[in-house]
Structure formats: structure tokens, C-alpha cells
Amino acid sequence: MSKKIVLLSAAILLVFSIAFSGDATWFDMKNCSMCKALNEKPGLLESMSYEQVSIPDGIVSITTVNNGRLKDYREAHAKMMDIAARLQKGEPLPLCQSCTALGAMMMKGVKQNYAETTMGDVWVLTSDTPAVVAELQGWAKHNQDEMAKLEAAKKK
């Protein structure tokens, strides 16, 4: 799998985390170069559902897009791939803390599998190194916790 797909997938994962998070110090939807793409199409984020779950050697990220917004999602994904390519070339671009953390984990040899589905995509991140697995799972848990806080705040 190409590095571009890996970075793009990471970016999508992060964008979802950012979009649904209440932790302004961790996420920055407006200023993060990677995350902006999902925020550019009005209503796209609201049409998406996102879940990260731990598996024994890493995490699985599942994104589903509803309401006929899959084309918009794919276009945003392509923009994120372009940003990933620029980052790979060493271009300094602003990133949120979450994207920075994921990028650091990727540099530790995280193995990735990515597949588009008819409703979105699935991204599997794994490692043979227990410390990296723990980092991935901690990062995913932080994202899920922030999404749960946002959902709870909406219900009040």
C-alpha cells in the first residue's frame, strides 16, 4: 500500500476525531491542513459515522457516509491524499495535535490495510511492537471518548 493512502487514511481518521471532539487542545478542525478537507463541504461531517475499536494488535477504524454524500467524502479523501503527499515531501504544514500524534505513530512502522466500501471505508492499523499497539489503542480511545463527550453534550 502506498504511503499516500496510509497518510490519507490517517487524515480521515483524524478528521472524524476532530469533527466530533470537544477537546480544542487536541483537535483543530479549522487550522489543521489534513482535517480541513472534510469540513469544506457543508453537511458532510454530519452525514458521517465513525468508530474506532481496539483489536489485539492495533485498531480498526470504520467510516460510513450516509445521505448520498459518498462522492463528497471521496473528494475530501483525495484532497487529504494531496496534503499527505506534500507532507511526505517535507512541506511544513500546520497539523493538529491529534494528526501530529498519529503521524508520529506511523513513523514507528505501523502496518496498515485500507479498503473502500460501498458506504465509506475501513482502515486497520497494527503493530508487532506492544508499546506501539498501546499507543494506537490509547489514541483511538481518546478519539472515542471525545466523541462520546460531544454526543452527551448534544443530549443536554
N, C-alpha and C. Protein backbone atom coordinates (compact mmCIF):
# COMPACT_ATOMS: atom_id res chain seq x y z
N MET A 1 0.85 -1.17 0.00
CA MET A 1 0.00 0.00 0.00
C MET A 1 0.90 1.23 0.00
N SER A 2 0.53 2.22 -0.75
CA SER A 2 1.37 3.41 -0.84
C SER A 2 1.28 4.25 0.42
N LYS A 3 2.33 5.02 0.65
CA LYS A 3 2.34 5.90 1.82
C LYS A 3 1.24 6.94 1.73
N LYS A 4 0.90 7.35 0.52
CA LYS A 4 -0.16 8.35 0.37
C LYS A 4 -1.48 7.84 0.90
N ILE A 5 -1.81 6.60 0.57
CA ILE A 5 -3.07 6.05 1.05
C ILE A 5 -3.05 5.96 2.56
N VAL A 6 -1.90 5.57 3.10
CA VAL A 6 -1.76 5.46 4.55
C VAL A 6 -1.97 6.81 5.20
N LEU A 7 -1.30 7.83 4.71
CA LEU A 7 -1.44 9.15 5.32
C LEU A 7 -2.83 9.71 5.12
N LEU A 8 -3.41 9.46 3.98
CA LEU A 8 -4.76 9.95 3.75
C LEU A 8 -5.74 9.28 4.68
N SER A 9 -5.59 7.99 4.83
CA SER A 9 -6.48 7.27 5.73
C SER A 9 -6.32 7.80 7.14
N ALA A 10 -5.09 8.05 7.52
CA ALA A 10 -4.84 8.61 8.85
C ALA A 10 -5.53 9.96 8.98
N ALA A 11 -5.44 10.74 7.94
CA ALA A 11 -6.05 12.06 7.99
C ALA A 11 -7.55 11.97 8.13
N ILE A 12 -8.17 11.06 7.42
CA ILE A 12 -9.62 10.91 7.51
C ILE A 12 -10.00 10.50 8.92
N LEU A 13 -9.26 9.57 9.44
CA LEU A 13 -9.50 9.13 10.80
C LEU A 13 -9.39 10.30 11.76
N LEU A 14 -8.39 11.10 11.58
CA LEU A 14 -8.18 12.25 12.44
C LEU A 14 -9.26 13.30 12.27
N VAL A 15 -9.66 13.49 11.04
CA VAL A 15 -10.68 14.50 10.79
C VAL A 15 -11.96 14.13 11.50
N PHE A 16 -12.32 12.88 11.43
CA PHE A 16 -13.52 12.46 12.14
C PHE A 16 -13.34 12.71 13.62
N SER A 17 -12.18 12.40 14.12
CA SER A 17 -11.91 12.62 15.53
C SER A 17 -12.06 14.10 15.86
N ILE A 18 -11.52 14.92 15.02
CA ILE A 18 -11.56 16.36 15.23
C ILE A 18 -12.98 16.89 15.13
N ALA A 19 -13.70 16.43 14.14
CA ALA A 19 -15.04 16.94 13.91
C ALA A 19 -15.97 16.69 15.08
N PHE A 20 -15.78 15.60 15.76
CA PHE A 20 -16.69 15.23 16.82
C PHE A 20 -16.12 15.44 18.21
N SER A 21 -14.97 16.08 18.29
CA SER A 21 -14.32 16.21 19.59
C SER A 21 -14.63 17.53 20.26
N GLY A 22 -14.60 17.49 21.57
CA GLY A 22 -14.77 18.70 22.33
C GLY A 22 -13.45 19.20 22.89
N ASP A 23 -12.37 18.52 22.61
CA ASP A 23 -11.05 18.85 23.17
C ASP A 23 -10.32 19.77 22.20
N ALA A 24 -10.45 21.07 22.41
CA ALA A 24 -9.87 22.05 21.49
C ALA A 24 -8.35 22.01 21.48
N THR A 25 -7.74 21.52 22.54
CA THR A 25 -6.28 21.47 22.56
C THR A 25 -5.76 20.28 21.75
N TRP A 26 -6.58 19.29 21.55
CA TRP A 26 -6.17 18.09 20.81
C TRP A 26 -6.53 18.21 19.34
N PHE A 27 -7.68 18.75 19.03
CA PHE A 27 -8.17 18.85 17.66
C PHE A 27 -8.28 20.31 17.21
N ASP A 28 -8.07 20.53 15.93
CA ASP A 28 -8.20 21.88 15.38
C ASP A 28 -8.73 21.77 13.95
N MET A 29 -10.05 21.70 13.83
CA MET A 29 -10.69 21.49 12.54
C MET A 29 -10.47 22.62 11.55
N LYS A 30 -10.29 23.82 12.05
CA LYS A 30 -10.14 24.97 11.16
C LYS A 30 -8.72 25.16 10.65
N ASN A 31 -7.71 24.82 11.46
CA ASN A 31 -6.34 25.13 11.09
C ASN A 31 -5.49 23.95 10.67
N CYS A 32 -5.93 22.74 10.93
CA CYS A 32 -5.16 21.55 10.56
C CYS A 32 -5.26 21.33 9.05
N SER A 33 -4.13 21.28 8.40
CA SER A 33 -4.12 21.10 6.95
C SER A 33 -4.82 19.83 6.50
N MET A 34 -4.66 18.77 7.25
CA MET A 34 -5.26 17.49 6.87
C MET A 34 -6.77 17.49 7.12
N CYS A 35 -7.19 18.08 8.17
CA CYS A 35 -8.58 17.97 8.61
C CYS A 35 -9.54 18.90 7.88
N LYS A 36 -9.03 19.94 7.31
CA LYS A 36 -9.90 20.92 6.66
C LYS A 36 -10.76 20.32 5.55
N ALA A 37 -10.22 19.33 4.85
CA ALA A 37 -10.92 18.80 3.67
C ALA A 37 -12.32 18.28 3.99
N LEU A 38 -12.49 17.65 5.12
CA LEU A 38 -13.80 17.12 5.47
C LEU A 38 -14.76 18.20 5.93
N ASN A 39 -14.23 19.34 6.26
CA ASN A 39 -15.05 20.44 6.75
C ASN A 39 -15.45 21.40 5.63
N GLU A 40 -14.90 21.21 4.45
CA GLU A 40 -15.16 22.14 3.34
C GLU A 40 -16.52 21.95 2.67
N LYS A 41 -17.08 20.77 2.77
CA LYS A 41 -18.38 20.50 2.15
C LYS A 41 -19.45 20.57 3.24
N PRO A 42 -20.28 21.59 3.23
CA PRO A 42 -21.31 21.72 4.26
C PRO A 42 -22.15 20.44 4.37
N GLY A 43 -22.32 19.99 5.60
CA GLY A 43 -23.14 18.82 5.85
C GLY A 43 -22.43 17.48 5.74
N LEU A 44 -21.21 17.47 5.20
CA LEU A 44 -20.52 16.19 5.04
C LEU A 44 -20.25 15.53 6.38
N LEU A 45 -19.67 16.25 7.30
CA LEU A 45 -19.34 15.66 8.60
C LEU A 45 -20.58 15.13 9.31
N GLU A 46 -21.68 15.83 9.18
CA GLU A 46 -22.90 15.40 9.83
C GLU A 46 -23.46 14.12 9.21
N SER A 47 -23.06 13.83 7.98
CA SER A 47 -23.56 12.63 7.29
C SER A 47 -22.69 11.41 7.55
N MET A 48 -21.62 11.61 8.31
CA MET A 48 -20.66 10.53 8.53
C MET A 48 -20.82 9.93 9.93
N SER A 49 -20.57 8.63 10.00
CA SER A 49 -20.44 8.00 11.31
C SER A 49 -19.06 7.35 11.33
N TYR A 50 -18.49 7.31 12.50
CA TYR A 50 -17.11 6.89 12.63
C TYR A 50 -16.94 6.12 13.93
N GLU A 51 -16.20 5.04 13.84
CA GLU A 51 -15.93 4.25 15.03
C GLU A 51 -14.52 3.69 14.96
N GLN A 52 -13.83 3.71 16.08
CA GLN A 52 -12.51 3.09 16.19
C GLN A 52 -12.62 2.04 17.29
N VAL A 53 -12.13 0.85 17.01
CA VAL A 53 -12.17 -0.22 18.00
C VAL A 53 -10.79 -0.86 18.09
N SER A 54 -10.48 -1.32 19.29
CA SER A 54 -9.20 -2.00 19.51
C SER A 54 -9.30 -3.46 19.10
N ILE A 55 -8.22 -3.94 18.53
CA ILE A 55 -8.04 -5.36 18.24
C ILE A 55 -6.73 -5.75 18.91
N PRO A 56 -6.43 -7.04 19.06
CA PRO A 56 -5.24 -7.42 19.82
C PRO A 56 -3.93 -6.76 19.39
N ASP A 57 -3.77 -6.49 18.10
CA ASP A 57 -2.52 -5.91 17.64
C ASP A 57 -2.64 -4.50 17.08
N GLY A 58 -3.74 -3.78 17.45
CA GLY A 58 -3.89 -2.41 16.96
C GLY A 58 -5.31 -1.91 17.04
N ILE A 59 -5.74 -1.25 15.96
CA ILE A 59 -7.10 -0.69 15.91
C ILE A 59 -7.71 -0.87 14.53
N VAL A 60 -9.03 -0.79 14.50
CA VAL A 60 -9.79 -0.77 13.25
C VAL A 60 -10.62 0.51 13.27
N SER A 61 -10.59 1.22 12.16
CA SER A 61 -11.38 2.44 12.01
C SER A 61 -12.39 2.21 10.89
N ILE A 62 -13.66 2.48 11.21
CA ILE A 62 -14.73 2.27 10.25
C ILE A 62 -15.46 3.59 10.06
N THR A 63 -15.53 4.04 8.81
CA THR A 63 -16.24 5.26 8.47
C THR A 63 -17.38 4.91 7.53
N THR A 64 -18.56 5.42 7.84
CA THR A 64 -19.73 5.22 7.00
C THR A 64 -20.30 6.59 6.65
N VAL A 65 -20.67 6.76 5.39
CA VAL A 65 -21.21 8.03 4.91
C VAL A 65 -22.64 7.80 4.44
N ASN A 66 -23.55 8.63 4.92
CA ASN A 66 -24.97 8.49 4.60
C ASN A 66 -25.45 9.64 3.73
N ASN A 67 -26.72 9.59 3.39
CA ASN A 67 -27.41 10.69 2.70
C ASN A 67 -26.81 11.05 1.35
N GLY A 68 -26.31 10.06 0.63
CA GLY A 68 -25.79 10.32 -0.72
C GLY A 68 -24.53 11.17 -0.74
N ARG A 69 -23.77 11.19 0.33
CA ARG A 69 -22.60 12.05 0.42
C ARG A 69 -21.29 11.31 0.15
N LEU A 70 -21.35 10.08 -0.35
CA LEU A 70 -20.13 9.31 -0.59
C LEU A 70 -19.19 10.01 -1.59
N LYS A 71 -19.75 10.61 -2.63
CA LYS A 71 -18.91 11.32 -3.61
C LYS A 71 -18.15 12.46 -2.93
N ASP A 72 -18.82 13.23 -2.10
CA ASP A 72 -18.17 14.31 -1.36
C ASP A 72 -17.06 13.77 -0.47
N TYR A 73 -17.34 12.65 0.17
CA TYR A 73 -16.35 12.02 1.05
C TYR A 73 -15.12 11.59 0.24
N ARG A 74 -15.34 10.98 -0.90
CA ARG A 74 -14.22 10.54 -1.73
C ARG A 74 -13.40 11.75 -2.22
N GLU A 75 -14.07 12.83 -2.54
CA GLU A 75 -13.36 14.05 -2.97
C GLU A 75 -12.53 14.61 -1.83
N ALA A 76 -13.08 14.63 -0.63
CA ALA A 76 -12.33 15.10 0.54
C ALA A 76 -11.14 14.19 0.79
N HIS A 77 -11.35 12.91 0.63
CA HIS A 77 -10.27 11.93 0.80
C HIS A 77 -9.14 12.23 -0.18
N ALA A 78 -9.49 12.54 -1.42
CA ALA A 78 -8.47 12.85 -2.44
C ALA A 78 -7.68 14.10 -2.05
N LYS A 79 -8.36 15.10 -1.52
CA LYS A 79 -7.67 16.32 -1.06
C LYS A 79 -6.69 15.98 0.06
N MET A 80 -7.11 15.11 0.93
CA MET A 80 -6.25 14.72 2.04
C MET A 80 -5.03 13.95 1.52
N MET A 81 -5.22 13.16 0.48
CA MET A 81 -4.08 12.46 -0.13
C MET A 81 -3.07 13.46 -0.68
N ASP A 82 -3.58 14.53 -1.28
CA ASP A 82 -2.69 15.58 -1.79
C ASP A 82 -1.89 16.22 -0.66
N ILE A 83 -2.54 16.49 0.45
CA ILE A 83 -1.84 17.06 1.61
C ILE A 83 -0.80 16.07 2.12
N ALA A 84 -1.17 14.80 2.18
CA ALA A 84 -0.23 13.77 2.64
C ALA A 84 1.02 13.73 1.76
N ALA A 85 0.84 13.85 0.48
CA ALA A 85 1.98 13.85 -0.44
C ALA A 85 2.88 15.06 -0.19
N ARG A 86 2.27 16.19 0.07
CA ARG A 86 3.06 17.39 0.36
C ARG A 86 3.84 17.24 1.66
N LEU A 87 3.20 16.63 2.67
CA LEU A 87 3.88 16.39 3.94
C LEU A 87 5.05 15.42 3.76
N GLN A 88 4.83 14.40 2.94
CA GLN A 88 5.89 13.42 2.69
C GLN A 88 7.11 14.07 2.03
N LYS A 89 6.88 15.10 1.25
CA LYS A 89 7.97 15.81 0.58
C LYS A 89 8.65 16.79 1.52
N GLY A 90 8.15 16.90 2.74
CA GLY A 90 8.78 17.77 3.72
C GLY A 90 8.21 19.16 3.81
N GLU A 91 7.10 19.41 3.13
CA GLU A 91 6.49 20.74 3.19
C GLU A 91 5.93 20.97 4.60
N PRO A 92 6.31 22.05 5.24
CA PRO A 92 5.78 22.31 6.58
C PRO A 92 4.34 22.82 6.49
N LEU A 93 3.43 22.08 7.06
CA LEU A 93 2.02 22.45 7.05
C LEU A 93 1.48 22.33 8.48
N PRO A 94 0.55 23.19 8.85
CA PRO A 94 0.01 23.11 10.21
C PRO A 94 -0.84 21.85 10.39
N LEU A 95 -0.62 21.18 11.52
CA LEU A 95 -1.38 20.00 11.87
C LEU A 95 -1.87 20.12 13.30
N CYS A 96 -3.00 19.52 13.57
CA CYS A 96 -3.50 19.50 14.94
C CYS A 96 -2.67 18.50 15.75
N GLN A 97 -2.86 18.51 17.06
CA GLN A 97 -2.11 17.60 17.91
C GLN A 97 -2.47 16.15 17.63
N SER A 98 -3.70 15.89 17.30
CA SER A 98 -4.12 14.53 17.00
C SER A 98 -3.44 14.02 15.73
N CYS A 99 -3.42 14.82 14.69
CA CYS A 99 -2.74 14.42 13.45
C CYS A 99 -1.25 14.25 13.67
N THR A 100 -0.68 15.13 14.47
CA THR A 100 0.74 15.03 14.78
C THR A 100 1.03 13.73 15.52
N ALA A 101 0.18 13.39 16.48
CA ALA A 101 0.37 12.15 17.24
C ALA A 101 0.25 10.93 16.34
N LEU A 102 -0.73 10.93 15.46
CA LEU A 102 -0.88 9.80 14.56
C LEU A 102 0.32 9.70 13.62
N GLY A 103 0.77 10.82 13.12
CA GLY A 103 1.95 10.82 12.25
C GLY A 103 3.17 10.24 12.95
N ALA A 104 3.34 10.57 14.22
CA ALA A 104 4.47 10.04 14.98
C ALA A 104 4.36 8.52 15.12
N MET A 105 3.15 8.03 15.33
CA MET A 105 2.97 6.57 15.42
C MET A 105 3.25 5.90 14.09
N MET A 106 2.85 6.54 13.01
CA MET A 106 3.08 5.97 11.68
C MET A 106 4.57 5.81 11.41
N MET A 107 5.35 6.73 11.93
CA MET A 107 6.80 6.68 11.74
C MET A 107 7.44 5.51 12.50
N LYS A 108 6.67 4.87 13.36
CA LYS A 108 7.19 3.75 14.14
C LYS A 108 6.90 2.41 13.47
N GLY A 109 6.56 2.46 12.20
CA GLY A 109 6.37 1.22 11.44
C GLY A 109 5.00 0.58 11.56
N VAL A 110 3.98 1.37 11.79
CA VAL A 110 2.62 0.84 11.86
C VAL A 110 2.27 0.21 10.52
N LYS A 111 1.71 -0.98 10.57
CA LYS A 111 1.24 -1.67 9.36
C LYS A 111 -0.20 -1.25 9.12
N GLN A 112 -0.54 -1.08 7.84
CA GLN A 112 -1.87 -0.57 7.51
C GLN A 112 -2.52 -1.37 6.41
N ASN A 113 -3.80 -1.51 6.53
CA ASN A 113 -4.63 -2.06 5.47
C ASN A 113 -5.82 -1.13 5.34
N TYR A 114 -6.13 -0.76 4.11
CA TYR A 114 -7.20 0.19 3.84
C TYR A 114 -8.07 -0.37 2.73
N ALA A 115 -9.38 -0.24 2.90
CA ALA A 115 -10.31 -0.67 1.85
C ALA A 115 -11.49 0.28 1.79
N GLU A 116 -11.84 0.67 0.57
CA GLU A 116 -13.07 1.44 0.37
C GLU A 116 -14.23 0.45 0.41
N THR A 117 -15.34 0.90 0.95
CA THR A 117 -16.56 0.11 0.97
C THR A 117 -17.63 0.86 0.20
N THR A 118 -18.76 0.24 0.02
CA THR A 118 -19.85 0.91 -0.70
C THR A 118 -20.45 2.06 0.10
N MET A 119 -20.12 2.11 1.40
CA MET A 119 -20.68 3.15 2.27
C MET A 119 -19.61 4.02 2.93
N GLY A 120 -18.33 3.79 2.62
CA GLY A 120 -17.26 4.55 3.26
C GLY A 120 -15.94 3.83 3.14
N ASP A 121 -15.32 3.52 4.29
CA ASP A 121 -14.06 2.79 4.24
C ASP A 121 -13.74 2.14 5.59
N VAL A 122 -12.73 1.26 5.53
CA VAL A 122 -12.23 0.57 6.71
C VAL A 122 -10.72 0.70 6.68
N TRP A 123 -10.15 1.02 7.82
CA TRP A 123 -8.70 1.20 7.93
C TRP A 123 -8.22 0.43 9.14
N VAL A 124 -7.28 -0.48 8.94
CA VAL A 124 -6.74 -1.29 10.02
C VAL A 124 -5.29 -0.90 10.25
N LEU A 125 -4.96 -0.53 11.48
CA LEU A 125 -3.60 -0.15 11.86
C LEU A 125 -3.10 -1.14 12.90
N THR A 126 -1.97 -1.79 12.61
CA THR A 126 -1.45 -2.79 13.53
C THR A 126 0.05 -2.63 13.70
N SER A 127 0.56 -3.28 14.74
CA SER A 127 1.99 -3.29 15.01
C SER A 127 2.36 -4.58 15.72
N ASP A 128 3.61 -5.00 15.55
CA ASP A 128 4.15 -6.15 16.27
C ASP A 128 4.80 -5.71 17.58
N THR A 129 4.90 -4.39 17.78
CA THR A 129 5.54 -3.83 18.97
C THR A 129 4.49 -3.46 20.01
N PRO A 130 4.50 -4.12 21.17
CA PRO A 130 3.47 -3.85 22.18
C PRO A 130 3.32 -2.37 22.55
N ALA A 131 4.41 -1.64 22.64
CA ALA A 131 4.32 -0.23 23.01
C ALA A 131 3.58 0.57 21.93
N VAL A 132 3.79 0.25 20.68
CA VAL A 132 3.11 0.96 19.59
C VAL A 132 1.63 0.57 19.57
N VAL A 133 1.33 -0.71 19.82
CA VAL A 133 -0.07 -1.14 19.91
C VAL A 133 -0.77 -0.34 21.00
N ALA A 134 -0.12 -0.19 22.14
CA ALA A 134 -0.70 0.57 23.25
C ALA A 134 -0.92 2.03 22.85
N GLU A 135 0.01 2.61 22.13
CA GLU A 135 -0.16 4.00 21.66
C GLU A 135 -1.36 4.12 20.73
N LEU A 136 -1.45 3.20 19.76
CA LEU A 136 -2.57 3.22 18.82
C LEU A 136 -3.90 3.11 19.56
N GLN A 137 -3.96 2.16 20.48
CA GLN A 137 -5.21 1.95 21.20
C GLN A 137 -5.54 3.12 22.11
N GLY A 138 -4.53 3.73 22.71
CA GLY A 138 -4.76 4.90 23.54
C GLY A 138 -5.26 6.08 22.73
N TRP A 139 -4.67 6.26 21.55
CA TRP A 139 -5.09 7.33 20.66
C TRP A 139 -6.54 7.11 20.22
N ALA A 140 -6.88 5.88 19.85
CA ALA A 140 -8.24 5.57 19.42
C ALA A 140 -9.23 5.77 20.57
N LYS A 141 -8.85 5.37 21.76
CA LYS A 141 -9.73 5.55 22.93
C LYS A 141 -9.97 7.03 23.19
N HIS A 142 -8.91 7.83 23.08
CA HIS A 142 -9.07 9.28 23.27
C HIS A 142 -10.09 9.82 22.27
N ASN A 143 -9.97 9.41 21.03
CA ASN A 143 -10.90 9.87 20.00
C ASN A 143 -12.33 9.46 20.34
N GLN A 144 -12.53 8.21 20.71
CA GLN A 144 -13.87 7.72 21.03
C GLN A 144 -14.42 8.44 22.26
N ASP A 145 -13.57 8.67 23.27
CA ASP A 145 -14.01 9.38 24.48
C ASP A 145 -14.48 10.79 24.14
N GLU A 146 -13.75 11.47 23.28
CA GLU A 146 -14.12 12.83 22.89
C GLU A 146 -15.44 12.83 22.12
N MET A 147 -15.64 11.84 21.25
CA MET A 147 -16.90 11.76 20.52
C MET A 147 -18.06 11.51 21.48
N ALA A 148 -17.84 10.66 22.48
CA ALA A 148 -18.88 10.38 23.46
C ALA A 148 -19.23 11.65 24.25
N LYS A 149 -18.24 12.46 24.61
CA LYS A 149 -18.49 13.71 25.31
C LYS A 149 -19.36 14.63 24.46
N LEU A 150 -19.04 14.71 23.19
CA LEU A 150 -19.82 15.57 22.30
C LEU A 150 -21.27 15.09 22.20
N GLU A 151 -21.43 13.80 22.03
CA GLU A 151 -22.78 13.25 21.94
C GLU A 151 -23.57 13.51 23.23
N ALA A 152 -22.92 13.36 24.37
CA ALA A 152 -23.59 13.61 25.65
C ALA A 152 -23.99 15.09 25.76
N ALA A 153 -23.13 15.97 25.30
CA ALA A 153 -23.42 17.41 25.35
C ALA A 153 -24.60 17.76 24.45
N LYS A 154 -24.74 17.07 23.32
CA LYS A 154 -25.85 17.32 22.41
C LYS A 154 -27.19 16.95 23.03
N LYS A 155 -27.18 15.94 23.91
CA LYS A 155 -28.41 15.45 24.51
C LYS A 155 -28.90 16.30 25.67
N LYS A 156 -28.06 17.19 26.15
CA LYS A 156 -28.44 18.03 27.30
C LYS A 156 -29.34 19.16 26.89
